Amino acid sequence: MTEMFTMPFAGGTLDHAETKRSGEELQKFVTDPNAQCLVYFKGMPALEEDGGLTFIHPSDLIGRDLQDPGPIFLGLNDNIPVFAAAVAHPEDLAPAESFQNMRAIAGRLDLIELALAGRAKSLLDWHYTHRFCANCGSLSHGADGGQKRQCPECDTEHFPRVNPVVIMLIISGDKVLLGRGHGWPEGFMSALAGFVSPGETIEEATIRETFEEVGIKVKNVEYIFSQPWPFPSQLMMGVTCIAETENIVLDKAELEEAKWFSKDEVKAVFAKESDVFMRPPRFTIAHQLLRHWIKS
């Protein structure tokens, strides 16, 4: 059993209202005097001076240069309609400096706002990168309040995709294997991870990715918890697994380095009593997996 907690980017209270997206219903929502809208620029949400998300009324978007598909309907928050939109020119609605990088602010937003901001970013990014129909190549358009895109030529419907990723703690006795990717800060270490391929289970992806990256065979894959990750839109599935050997054969194309650390070393890092490595930020699932492991 894992301890009860809210995973960063998860735990949102929004009702996605997937059965309330007819044209008439959306018009009612967008004109609701209490309606709210998040504003993004290049994947960055606008923040207030106090650090919270900036909300405007959808009517404030009229006449603005918006990124396709325009405002998207995120859902209902206590019956208040919530939208999101990406602007082409940030100064249209807020000072440019108020738009902040999501990774930089993820540790400062409260969990409810973080989940909302993550959902909005994933959907807006998906619309931006999937403007053309994969079936015939025509320019598609947003439909059902941004819940999907539809091709006007062949009528194919396209729905937002979430990419499955396994992220694993590789354990050997009281040791855990951590790695550092290319371009990461010196000393920064994290759990290994990789995309699930078509036809694979979580367990099979864990075994394959571990062997490909560090040449170690693993067994006893155990699912722990998951995290929606809006960079751009993954579902991180956290697992532990047991190494059959500690001999590392590093794939330099995948990782800069990989090392074994004892549980005592990891505990000391998390207690800020050691700098043997730089721990992953608290808003990452890697941080939460390591915290779960040292408490077990």
C-alpha atoms as a PDB file:
ATOM      1  CA  MET A   1       0.000   0.000   0.000  1.00  0.00           C
ATOM      2  CA  THR A   2       1.226   3.510  -0.776  1.00  0.00           C
ATOM      3  CA  GLU A   3       0.654   6.463   1.512  1.00  0.00           C
ATOM      4  CA  MET A   4      -2.297   8.689   0.646  1.00  0.00           C
ATOM      5  CA  PHE A   5      -1.201  11.953  -0.961  1.00  0.00           C
ATOM      6  CA  THR A   6      -1.991  14.091  -3.961  1.00  0.00           C
ATOM      7  CA  MET A   7       0.464  13.637  -6.819  1.00  0.00           C
ATOM      8  CA  PRO A   8       1.523  16.960  -8.368  1.00  0.00           C
ATOM      9  CA  PHE A   9      -0.452  17.697 -11.587  1.00  0.00           C
ATOM     10  CA  ALA A  10      -3.139  15.241 -10.392  1.00  0.00           C
ATOM     11  CA  GLY A  11      -6.032  15.645  -7.969  1.00  0.00           C
ATOM     12  CA  GLY A  12      -7.926  18.251  -9.968  1.00  0.00           C
ATOM     13  CA  THR A  13     -11.493  19.011  -8.888  1.00  0.00           C
ATOM     14  CA  LEU A  14     -12.700  19.976 -12.364  1.00  0.00           C
ATOM     15  CA  ASP A  15     -15.776  18.305 -13.872  1.00  0.00           C
ATOM     16  CA  HIS A  16     -14.770  17.813 -17.520  1.00  0.00           C
ATOM     17  CA  ALA A  17     -18.458  18.070 -18.483  1.00  0.00           C
ATOM     18  CA  GLU A  18     -17.972  15.833 -21.521  1.00  0.00           C
ATOM     19  CA  THR A  19     -21.745  15.453 -22.020  1.00  0.00           C
ATOM     20  CA  LYS A  20     -22.362  19.227 -21.900  1.00  0.00           C
ATOM     21  CA  ARG A  21     -20.569  20.444 -25.018  1.00  0.00           C
ATOM     22  CA  SER A  22     -23.269  21.205 -27.552  1.00  0.00           C
ATOM     23  CA  GLY A  23     -23.130  24.585 -29.269  1.00  0.00           C
ATOM     24  CA  GLU A  24     -25.989  25.885 -27.166  1.00  0.00           C
ATOM     25  CA  GLU A  25     -24.432  24.714 -23.907  1.00  0.00           C
ATOM     26  CA  LEU A  26     -21.002  26.134 -24.762  1.00  0.00           C
ATOM     27  CA  GLN A  27     -22.549  29.490 -25.654  1.00  0.00           C
ATOM     28  CA  LYS A  28     -24.275  29.511 -22.277  1.00  0.00           C
ATOM     29  CA  PHE A  29     -21.005  28.701 -20.527  1.00  0.00           C
ATOM     30  CA  VAL A  30     -18.901  31.284 -22.360  1.00  0.00           C
ATOM     31  CA  THR A  31     -21.391  34.070 -21.599  1.00  0.00           C
ATOM     32  CA  ASP A  32     -21.812  33.094 -17.947  1.00  0.00           C
ATOM     33  CA  PRO A  33     -20.839  36.209 -15.941  1.00  0.00           C
ATOM     34  CA  ASN A  34     -18.807  34.005 -13.578  1.00  0.00           C
ATOM     35  CA  ALA A  35     -16.916  32.197 -16.355  1.00  0.00           C
ATOM     36  CA  GLN A  36     -13.131  32.116 -16.047  1.00  0.00           C
ATOM     37  CA  CYS A  37     -10.336  31.724 -18.584  1.00  0.00           C
ATOM     38  CA  LEU A  38      -6.652  30.898 -18.193  1.00  0.00           C
ATOM     39  CA  VAL A  39      -4.280  32.673 -20.571  1.00  0.00           C
ATOM     40  CA  TYR A  40      -1.148  31.068 -22.064  1.00  0.00           C
ATOM     41  CA  PHE A  41       1.712  32.213 -24.260  1.00  0.00           C
ATOM     42  CA  LYS A  42       4.069  29.600 -25.738  1.00  0.00           C
ATOM     43  CA  GLY A  43       2.938  27.062 -23.139  1.00  0.00           C
ATOM     44  CA  MET A  44       3.402  29.478 -20.225  1.00  0.00           C
ATOM     45  CA  PRO A  45       0.441  30.510 -18.055  1.00  0.00           C
ATOM     46  CA  ALA A  46      -0.040  34.077 -16.844  1.00  0.00           C
ATOM     47  CA  LEU A  47       0.319  34.583 -13.096  1.00  0.00           C
ATOM     48  CA  GLU A  48      -0.860  37.213 -10.671  1.00  0.00           C
ATOM     49  CA  GLU A  49       1.596  39.139  -8.490  1.00  0.00           C
ATOM     50  CA  ASP A  50       0.779  36.803  -5.585  1.00  0.00           C
ATOM     51  CA  GLY A  51       1.879  33.803  -7.693  1.00  0.00           C
ATOM     52  CA  GLY A  52      -1.564  32.371  -8.400  1.00  0.00           C
ATOM     53  CA  LEU A  53      -2.992  31.756 -11.863  1.00  0.00           C
ATOM     54  CA  THR A  54      -4.464  34.693 -13.748  1.00  0.00           C
ATOM     55  CA  PHE A  55      -8.152  34.288 -14.636  1.00  0.00           C
ATOM     56  CA  ILE A  56      -9.985  36.581 -17.037  1.00  0.00           C
ATOM     57  CA  HIS A  57     -13.506  36.467 -18.424  1.00  0.00           C
ATOM     58  CA  PRO A  58     -13.771  34.820 -21.881  1.00  0.00           C
ATOM     59  CA  SER A  59     -15.272  38.039 -23.254  1.00  0.00           C
ATOM     60  CA  ASP A  60     -11.873  39.703 -22.712  1.00  0.00           C
ATOM     61  CA  LEU A  61     -10.570  37.542 -25.571  1.00  0.00           C
ATOM     62  CA  ILE A  62     -12.784  39.232 -28.158  1.00  0.00           C
ATOM     63  CA  GLY A  63     -10.672  40.838 -30.854  1.00  0.00           C
ATOM     64  CA  ARG A  64      -7.446  39.214 -29.640  1.00  0.00           C
ATOM     65  CA  ASP A  65      -5.065  37.237 -31.832  1.00  0.00           C
ATOM     66  CA  LEU A  66      -5.514  33.715 -30.465  1.00  0.00           C
ATOM     67  CA  GLN A  67      -3.739  30.476 -31.256  1.00  0.00           C
ATOM     68  CA  ASP A  68      -5.843  27.798 -32.972  1.00  0.00           C
ATOM     69  CA  PRO A  69      -8.428  26.691 -31.891  1.00  0.00           C
ATOM     70  CA  GLY A  70      -9.212  29.742 -29.754  1.00  0.00           C
ATOM     71  CA  PRO A  71     -10.721  29.283 -26.277  1.00  0.00           C
ATOM     72  CA  ILE A  72     -11.121  25.668 -25.164  1.00  0.00           C
ATOM     73  CA  PHE A  73     -13.593  24.577 -22.520  1.00  0.00           C
ATOM     74  CA  LEU A  74     -11.779  22.802 -19.672  1.00  0.00           C
ATOM     75  CA  GLY A  75     -14.855  21.988 -17.611  1.00  0.00           C
ATOM     76  CA  LEU A  76     -16.859  23.117 -14.621  1.00  0.00           C
ATOM     77  CA  ASN A  77     -15.412  24.068 -11.258  1.00  0.00           C
ATOM     78  CA  ASP A  78     -18.270  24.162  -8.749  1.00  0.00           C
ATOM     79  CA  ASN A  79     -20.549  24.913 -11.756  1.00  0.00           C
ATOM     80  CA  ILE A  80     -18.295  27.774 -12.854  1.00  0.00           C
ATOM     81  CA  PRO A  81     -17.241  27.333 -16.509  1.00  0.00           C
ATOM     82  CA  VAL A  82     -13.467  27.342 -16.939  1.00  0.00           C
ATOM     83  CA  PHE A  83     -11.738  27.954 -20.275  1.00  0.00           C
ATOM     84  CA  ALA A  84      -8.169  28.331 -21.521  1.00  0.00           C
ATOM     85  CA  ALA A  85      -6.695  30.144 -24.505  1.00  0.00           C
ATOM     86  CA  ALA A  86      -3.256  30.808 -25.959  1.00  0.00           C
ATOM     87  CA  VAL A  87      -2.462  34.296 -27.202  1.00  0.00           C
ATOM     88  CA  ALA A  88      -0.102  35.167 -30.041  1.00  0.00           C
ATOM     89  CA  HIS A  89       0.888  38.464 -28.439  1.00  0.00           C
ATOM     90  CA  PRO A  90       1.152  38.299 -24.618  1.00  0.00           C
ATOM     91  CA  GLU A  91       0.947  42.041 -24.125  1.00  0.00           C
ATOM     92  CA  ASP A  92      -2.637  41.893 -25.414  1.00  0.00           C
ATOM     93  CA  LEU A  93      -3.876  40.625 -22.061  1.00  0.00           C
ATOM     94  CA  ALA A  94      -1.099  40.708 -19.479  1.00  0.00           C
ATOM     95  CA  PRO A  95       2.470  41.987 -19.051  1.00  0.00           C
ATOM     96  CA  ALA A  96       4.923  39.695 -20.828  1.00  0.00           C
ATOM     97  CA  GLU A  97       6.781  38.987 -17.592  1.00  0.00           C
ATOM     98  CA  SER A  98       3.642  37.554 -15.973  1.00  0.00           C
ATOM     99  CA  PHE A  99       3.822  34.511 -18.288  1.00  0.00           C
ATOM    100  CA  GLN A 100       5.934  31.983 -16.405  1.00  0.00           C
ATOM    101  CA  ASN A 101       7.543  28.676 -17.383  1.00  0.00           C
ATOM    102  CA  MET A 102       5.461  25.772 -16.040  1.00  0.00           C
ATOM    103  CA  ARG A 103       8.455  23.835 -14.746  1.00  0.00           C
ATOM    104  CA  ALA A 104       9.653  26.894 -12.842  1.00  0.00           C
ATOM    105  CA  ILE A 105       6.321  27.519 -11.114  1.00  0.00           C
ATOM    106  CA  ALA A 106       5.172  23.921 -10.592  1.00  0.00           C
ATOM    107  CA  GLY A 107       6.623  23.802  -7.103  1.00  0.00           C
ATOM    108  CA  ARG A 108       4.900  27.066  -6.105  1.00  0.00           C
ATOM    109  CA  LEU A 109       1.332  26.651  -7.354  1.00  0.00           C
ATOM    110  CA  ASP A 110      -1.174  25.027  -5.022  1.00  0.00           C
ATOM    111  CA  LEU A 111      -2.157  21.512  -6.086  1.00  0.00           C
ATOM    112  CA  ILE A 112      -5.604  22.409  -7.436  1.00  0.00           C
ATOM    113  CA  GLU A 113      -4.267  25.219  -9.632  1.00  0.00           C
ATOM    114  CA  LEU A 114      -1.334  23.045 -10.723  1.00  0.00           C
ATOM    115  CA  ALA A 115      -3.689  20.295 -11.916  1.00  0.00           C
ATOM    116  CA  LEU A 116      -5.795  22.854 -13.785  1.00  0.00           C
ATOM    117  CA  ALA A 117      -2.755  24.504 -15.377  1.00  0.00           C
ATOM    118  CA  GLY A 118      -1.371  21.132 -16.419  1.00  0.00           C
ATOM    119  CA  ARG A 119      -4.613  20.037 -18.085  1.00  0.00           C
ATOM    120  CA  ALA A 120      -4.869  23.327 -19.968  1.00  0.00           C
ATOM    121  CA  LYS A 121      -1.257  23.199 -21.149  1.00  0.00           C
ATOM    122  CA  SER A 122      -1.547  19.606 -22.409  1.00  0.00           C
ATOM    123  CA  LEU A 123      -4.710  20.338 -24.375  1.00  0.00           C
ATOM    124  CA  LEU A 124      -3.456  23.600 -25.876  1.00  0.00           C
ATOM    125  CA  ASP A 125      -0.160  21.976 -26.868  1.00  0.00           C
ATOM    126  CA  TRP A 126      -2.020  19.074 -28.495  1.00  0.00           C
ATOM    127  CA  HIS A 127      -4.175  21.407 -30.583  1.00  0.00           C
ATOM    128  CA  TYR A 128      -1.104  23.361 -31.683  1.00  0.00           C
ATOM    129  CA  THR A 129       0.788  20.259 -32.844  1.00  0.00           C
ATOM    130  CA  HIS A 130      -2.182  18.426 -34.407  1.00  0.00           C
ATOM    131  CA  ARG A 131      -3.715  21.070 -36.646  1.00  0.00           C
ATOM    132  CA  PHE A 132      -3.659  18.905 -39.770  1.00  0.00           C
ATOM    133  CA  CYS A 133      -5.735  15.786 -40.347  1.00  0.00           C
ATOM    134  CA  ALA A 134      -3.603  12.643 -40.105  1.00  0.00           C
ATOM    135  CA  ASN A 135      -5.937  10.931 -42.578  1.00  0.00           C
ATOM    136  CA  CYS A 136      -6.003  13.372 -45.509  1.00  0.00           C
ATOM    137  CA  GLY A 137      -3.695  16.251 -44.540  1.00  0.00           C
ATOM    138  CA  SER A 138      -6.341  18.985 -44.525  1.00  0.00           C
ATOM    139  CA  LEU A 139      -6.418  21.683 -41.872  1.00  0.00           C
ATOM    140  CA  SER A 140      -8.729  20.472 -39.086  1.00  0.00           C
ATOM    141  CA  HIS A 141     -10.628  22.579 -36.564  1.00  0.00           C
ATOM    142  CA  GLY A 142     -11.454  22.337 -32.886  1.00  0.00           C
ATOM    143  CA  ALA A 143     -14.838  20.889 -31.933  1.00  0.00           C
ATOM    144  CA  ASP A 144     -16.854  20.206 -28.776  1.00  0.00           C
ATOM    145  CA  GLY A 145     -15.159  23.055 -26.960  1.00  0.00           C
ATOM    146  CA  GLY A 146     -11.680  21.740 -27.739  1.00  0.00           C
ATOM    147  CA  GLN A 147     -12.418  18.162 -26.705  1.00  0.00           C
ATOM    148  CA  LYS A 148     -11.461  17.011 -30.211  1.00  0.00           C
ATOM    149  CA  ARG A 149     -10.501  18.194 -33.704  1.00  0.00           C
ATOM    150  CA  GLN A 150     -12.522  17.429 -36.803  1.00  0.00           C
ATOM    151  CA  CYS A 151     -11.492  17.406 -40.456  1.00  0.00           C
ATOM    152  CA  PRO A 152     -13.870  19.383 -42.730  1.00  0.00           C
ATOM    153  CA  GLU A 153     -12.771  17.375 -45.794  1.00  0.00           C
ATOM    154  CA  CYS A 154     -12.961  13.706 -44.726  1.00  0.00           C
ATOM    155  CA  ASP A 155     -14.885  14.175 -41.450  1.00  0.00           C
ATOM    156  CA  THR A 156     -12.274  12.255 -39.435  1.00  0.00           C
ATOM    157  CA  GLU A 157     -12.332  12.995 -35.712  1.00  0.00           C
ATOM    158  CA  HIS A 158      -9.080  13.340 -33.774  1.00  0.00           C
ATOM    159  CA  PHE A 159      -8.910  13.159 -29.984  1.00  0.00           C
ATOM    160  CA  PRO A 160      -6.183  14.314 -27.577  1.00  0.00           C
ATOM    161  CA  ARG A 161      -3.512  11.698 -26.958  1.00  0.00           C
ATOM    162  CA  VAL A 162      -1.677  10.852 -23.762  1.00  0.00           C
ATOM    163  CA  ASN A 163       1.689   9.129 -24.198  1.00  0.00           C
ATOM    164  CA  PRO A 164       2.371   6.290 -21.697  1.00  0.00           C
ATOM    165  CA  VAL A 165       5.794   6.345 -20.026  1.00  0.00           C
ATOM    166  CA  VAL A 166       7.256   3.936 -17.478  1.00  0.00           C
ATOM    167  CA  ILE A 167       9.518   5.465 -14.835  1.00  0.00           C
ATOM    168  CA  MET A 168      11.268   2.928 -12.670  1.00  0.00           C
ATOM    169  CA  LEU A 169      13.228   2.631  -9.465  1.00  0.00           C
ATOM    170  CA  ILE A 170      15.712  -0.185 -10.096  1.00  0.00           C
ATOM    171  CA  ILE A 171      16.493  -1.744  -6.727  1.00  0.00           C
ATOM    172  CA  SER A 172      19.201  -4.139  -5.558  1.00  0.00           C
ATOM    173  CA  GLY A 173      19.040  -4.849  -1.824  1.00  0.00           C
ATOM    174  CA  ASP A 174      19.329  -1.456  -0.133  1.00  0.00           C
ATOM    175  CA  LYS A 175      20.554   0.286  -3.300  1.00  0.00           C
ATOM    176  CA  VAL A 176      18.778   2.164  -6.079  1.00  0.00           C
ATOM    177  CA  LEU A 177      20.043   2.949  -9.567  1.00  0.00           C
ATOM    178  CA  LEU A 178      19.699   6.548 -10.767  1.00  0.00           C
ATOM    179  CA  GLY A 179      20.782   8.179 -14.005  1.00  0.00           C
ATOM    180  CA  ARG A 180      21.564  11.568 -15.535  1.00  0.00           C
ATOM    181  CA  GLY A 181      20.476  12.572 -19.021  1.00  0.00           C
ATOM    182  CA  HIS A 182      22.518  14.563 -21.507  1.00  0.00           C
ATOM    183  CA  GLY A 183      22.426  18.285 -20.808  1.00  0.00           C
ATOM    184  CA  TRP A 184      21.214  17.873 -17.229  1.00  0.00           C
ATOM    185  CA  PRO A 185      22.962  19.854 -14.474  1.00  0.00           C
ATOM    186  CA  GLU A 186      26.037  18.201 -13.025  1.00  0.00           C
ATOM    187  CA  GLY A 187      25.047  15.993 -10.092  1.00  0.00           C
ATOM    188  CA  PHE A 188      21.343  15.902 -10.958  1.00  0.00           C
ATOM    189  CA  MET A 189      20.117  12.289 -10.816  1.00  0.00           C
ATOM    190  CA  SER A 190      16.701  10.776 -11.397  1.00  0.00           C
ATOM    191  CA  ALA A 191      14.862   7.521 -12.010  1.00  0.00           C
ATOM    192  CA  LEU A 192      15.200   5.935 -15.439  1.00  0.00           C
ATOM    193  CA  ALA A 193      12.215   6.245 -17.771  1.00  0.00           C
ATOM    194  CA  GLY A 194      11.049   5.378 -21.266  1.00  0.00           C
ATOM    195  CA  PHE A 195       8.027   5.337 -23.551  1.00  0.00           C
ATOM    196  CA  VAL A 196       5.840   2.254 -23.750  1.00  0.00           C
ATOM    197  CA  SER A 197       5.948   0.790 -27.271  1.00  0.00           C
ATOM    198  CA  PRO A 198       2.899  -0.570 -29.131  1.00  0.00           C
ATOM    199  CA  GLY A 199       2.099  -4.100 -28.001  1.00  0.00           C
ATOM    200  CA  GLU A 200       3.891  -3.758 -24.643  1.00  0.00           C
ATOM    201  CA  THR A 201       2.670  -4.003 -21.079  1.00  0.00           C
ATOM    202  CA  ILE A 202       4.018  -1.759 -18.343  1.00  0.00           C
ATOM    203  CA  GLU A 203       6.123  -4.672 -17.110  1.00  0.00           C
ATOM    204  CA  GLU A 204       7.562  -5.436 -20.554  1.00  0.00           C
ATOM    205  CA  ALA A 205       8.422  -1.784 -21.194  1.00  0.00           C
ATOM    206  CA  THR A 206      10.193  -1.573 -17.837  1.00  0.00           C
ATOM    207  CA  ILE A 207      12.296  -4.657 -18.571  1.00  0.00           C
ATOM    208  CA  ARG A 208      13.177  -3.520 -22.111  1.00  0.00           C
ATOM    209  CA  GLU A 209      13.972   0.105 -21.258  1.00  0.00           C
ATOM    210  CA  THR A 210      16.161  -0.845 -18.301  1.00  0.00           C
ATOM    211  CA  PHE A 211      18.195  -3.305 -20.350  1.00  0.00           C
ATOM    212  CA  GLU A 212      18.521  -0.850 -23.249  1.00  0.00           C
ATOM    213  CA  GLU A 213      19.716   2.038 -21.072  1.00  0.00           C
ATOM    214  CA  VAL A 214      21.954   0.340 -18.499  1.00  0.00           C
ATOM    215  CA  GLY A 215      22.276  -3.309 -19.623  1.00  0.00           C
ATOM    216  CA  ILE A 216      20.643  -4.699 -16.482  1.00  0.00           C
ATOM    217  CA  LYS A 217      17.975  -7.401 -16.435  1.00  0.00           C
ATOM    218  CA  VAL A 218      15.168  -6.780 -13.949  1.00  0.00           C
ATOM    219  CA  LYS A 219      12.241  -8.735 -12.526  1.00  0.00           C
ATOM    220  CA  ASN A 220       9.320  -8.336 -10.119  1.00  0.00           C
ATOM    221  CA  VAL A 221       7.985  -5.130 -11.652  1.00  0.00           C
ATOM    222  CA  GLU A 222       5.505  -3.549  -9.233  1.00  0.00           C
ATOM    223  CA  TYR A 223       3.245  -0.589 -10.057  1.00  0.00           C
ATOM    224  CA  ILE A 224       3.312   2.123  -7.358  1.00  0.00           C
ATOM    225  CA  PHE A 225       1.465   5.229  -8.663  1.00  0.00           C
ATOM    226  CA  SER A 226       1.140   7.463 -11.719  1.00  0.00           C
ATOM    227  CA  GLN A 227       1.312  11.133 -12.678  1.00  0.00           C
ATOM    228  CA  PRO A 228      -0.058  13.231 -15.536  1.00  0.00           C
ATOM    229  CA  TRP A 229       2.926  15.118 -16.939  1.00  0.00           C
ATOM    230  CA  PRO A 230       2.150  18.069 -19.252  1.00  0.00           C
ATOM    231  CA  PHE A 231       5.536  18.266 -21.017  1.00  0.00           C
ATOM    232  CA  PRO A 232       3.857  17.922 -23.411  1.00  0.00           C
ATOM    233  CA  SER A 233       1.346  15.202 -22.472  1.00  0.00           C
ATOM    234  CA  GLN A 234       2.505  11.999 -20.806  1.00  0.00           C
ATOM    235  CA  LEU A 235       1.108   9.613 -18.236  1.00  0.00           C
ATOM    236  CA  MET A 236       4.089   8.668 -16.064  1.00  0.00           C
ATOM    237  CA  MET A 237       3.563   5.205 -14.578  1.00  0.00           C
ATOM    238  CA  GLY A 238       5.842   4.753 -11.585  1.00  0.00           C
ATOM    239  CA  VAL A 239       7.129   1.266 -10.780  1.00  0.00           C
ATOM    240  CA  THR A 240       9.799  -0.494  -8.786  1.00  0.00           C
ATOM    241  CA  CYS A 241      11.732  -3.506 -10.055  1.00  0.00           C
ATOM    242  CA  ILE A 242      14.491  -5.791  -8.813  1.00  0.00           C
ATOM    243  CA  ALA A 243      17.878  -5.912 -10.546  1.00  0.00           C
ATOM    244  CA  GLU A 244      19.423  -9.312 -11.250  1.00  0.00           C
ATOM    245  CA  THR A 245      22.915  -7.749 -11.389  1.00  0.00           C
ATOM    246  CA  GLU A 246      24.557  -4.445 -10.450  1.00  0.00           C
ATOM    247  CA  ASN A 247      26.897  -4.351 -13.452  1.00  0.00           C
ATOM    248  CA  ILE A 248      26.071  -1.220 -15.510  1.00  0.00           C
ATOM    249  CA  VAL A 249      26.535  -1.241 -19.288  1.00  0.00           C
ATOM    250  CA  LEU A 250      25.624   2.356 -20.116  1.00  0.00           C
ATOM    251  CA  ASP A 251      24.040   3.361 -23.406  1.00  0.00           C
ATOM    252  CA  LYS A 252      25.777   6.702 -23.949  1.00  0.00           C
ATOM    253  CA  ALA A 253      23.152   7.715 -26.508  1.00  0.00           C
ATOM    254  CA  GLU A 254      20.510   7.556 -23.756  1.00  0.00           C
ATOM    255  CA  LEU A 255      22.301   8.626 -20.574  1.00  0.00           C
ATOM    256  CA  GLU A 256      25.315  10.656 -19.490  1.00  0.00           C
ATOM    257  CA  GLU A 257      25.862   8.498 -16.421  1.00  0.00           C
ATOM    258  CA  ALA A 258      24.196   6.035 -14.042  1.00  0.00           C
ATOM    259  CA  LYS A 259      25.169   5.138 -10.474  1.00  0.00           C
ATOM    260  CA  TRP A 260      24.021   3.014  -7.555  1.00  0.00           C
ATOM    261  CA  PHE A 261      23.146   4.832  -4.317  1.00  0.00           C
ATOM    262  CA  SER A 262      22.427   3.298  -0.925  1.00  0.00           C
ATOM    263  CA  LYS A 263      19.177   3.988   0.888  1.00  0.00           C
ATOM    264  CA  ASP A 264      21.129   5.850   3.564  1.00  0.00           C
ATOM    265  CA  GLU A 265      22.685   8.090   0.900  1.00  0.00           C
ATOM    266  CA  VAL A 266      19.254   8.857  -0.585  1.00  0.00           C
ATOM    267  CA  LYS A 267      17.810   9.530   2.866  1.00  0.00           C
ATOM    268  CA  ALA A 268      20.637  11.969   3.587  1.00  0.00           C
ATOM    269  CA  VAL A 269      20.027  13.819   0.303  1.00  0.00           C
ATOM    270  CA  PHE A 270      16.298  14.116   1.033  1.00  0.00           C
ATOM    271  CA  ALA A 271      17.076  15.340   4.557  1.00  0.00           C
ATOM    272  CA  LYS A 272      19.392  17.959   2.990  1.00  0.00           C
ATOM    273  CA  GLU A 273      22.321  16.461   4.893  1.00  0.00           C
ATOM    274  CA  SER A 274      24.274  15.368   1.803  1.00  0.00           C
ATOM    275  CA  ASP A 275      25.034  16.600  -1.694  1.00  0.00           C
ATOM    276  CA  VAL A 276      26.115  13.235  -3.121  1.00  0.00           C
ATOM    277  CA  PHE A 277      23.538  13.951  -5.832  1.00  0.00           C
ATOM    278  CA  MET A 278      20.915  16.596  -6.603  1.00  0.00           C
ATOM    279  CA  ARG A 279      17.446  15.228  -5.917  1.00  0.00           C
ATOM    280  CA  PRO A 280      14.597  15.578  -8.438  1.00  0.00           C
ATOM    281  CA  PRO A 281      12.155  18.444  -7.720  1.00  0.00           C
ATOM    282  CA  ARG A 282       9.251  17.684  -5.400  1.00  0.00           C
ATOM    283  CA  PHE A 283       6.673  18.091  -8.193  1.00  0.00           C
ATOM    284  CA  THR A 284       8.151  15.143 -10.165  1.00  0.00           C
ATOM    285  CA  ILE A 285       7.083  11.525  -9.839  1.00  0.00           C
ATOM    286  CA  ALA A 286      10.774  10.561  -9.557  1.00  0.00           C
ATOM    287  CA  HIS A 287      10.966  12.550  -6.314  1.00  0.00           C
ATOM    288  CA  GLN A 288       7.818  10.871  -5.021  1.00  0.00           C
ATOM    289  CA  LEU A 289       9.040   7.375  -5.977  1.00  0.00           C
ATOM    290  CA  LEU A 290      12.302   7.920  -4.105  1.00  0.00           C
ATOM    291  CA  ARG A 291      10.467   9.337  -1.089  1.00  0.00           C
ATOM    292  CA  HIS A 292       8.150   6.298  -1.114  1.00  0.00           C
ATOM    293  CA  TRP A 293      11.142   3.938  -1.299  1.00  0.00           C
ATOM    294  CA  ILE A 294      13.130   5.453   1.577  1.00  0.00           C
ATOM    295  CA  LYS A 295      10.027   5.271   3.770  1.00  0.00           C
ATOM    296  CA  SER A 296       9.413   1.597   2.961  1.00  0.00           C
END
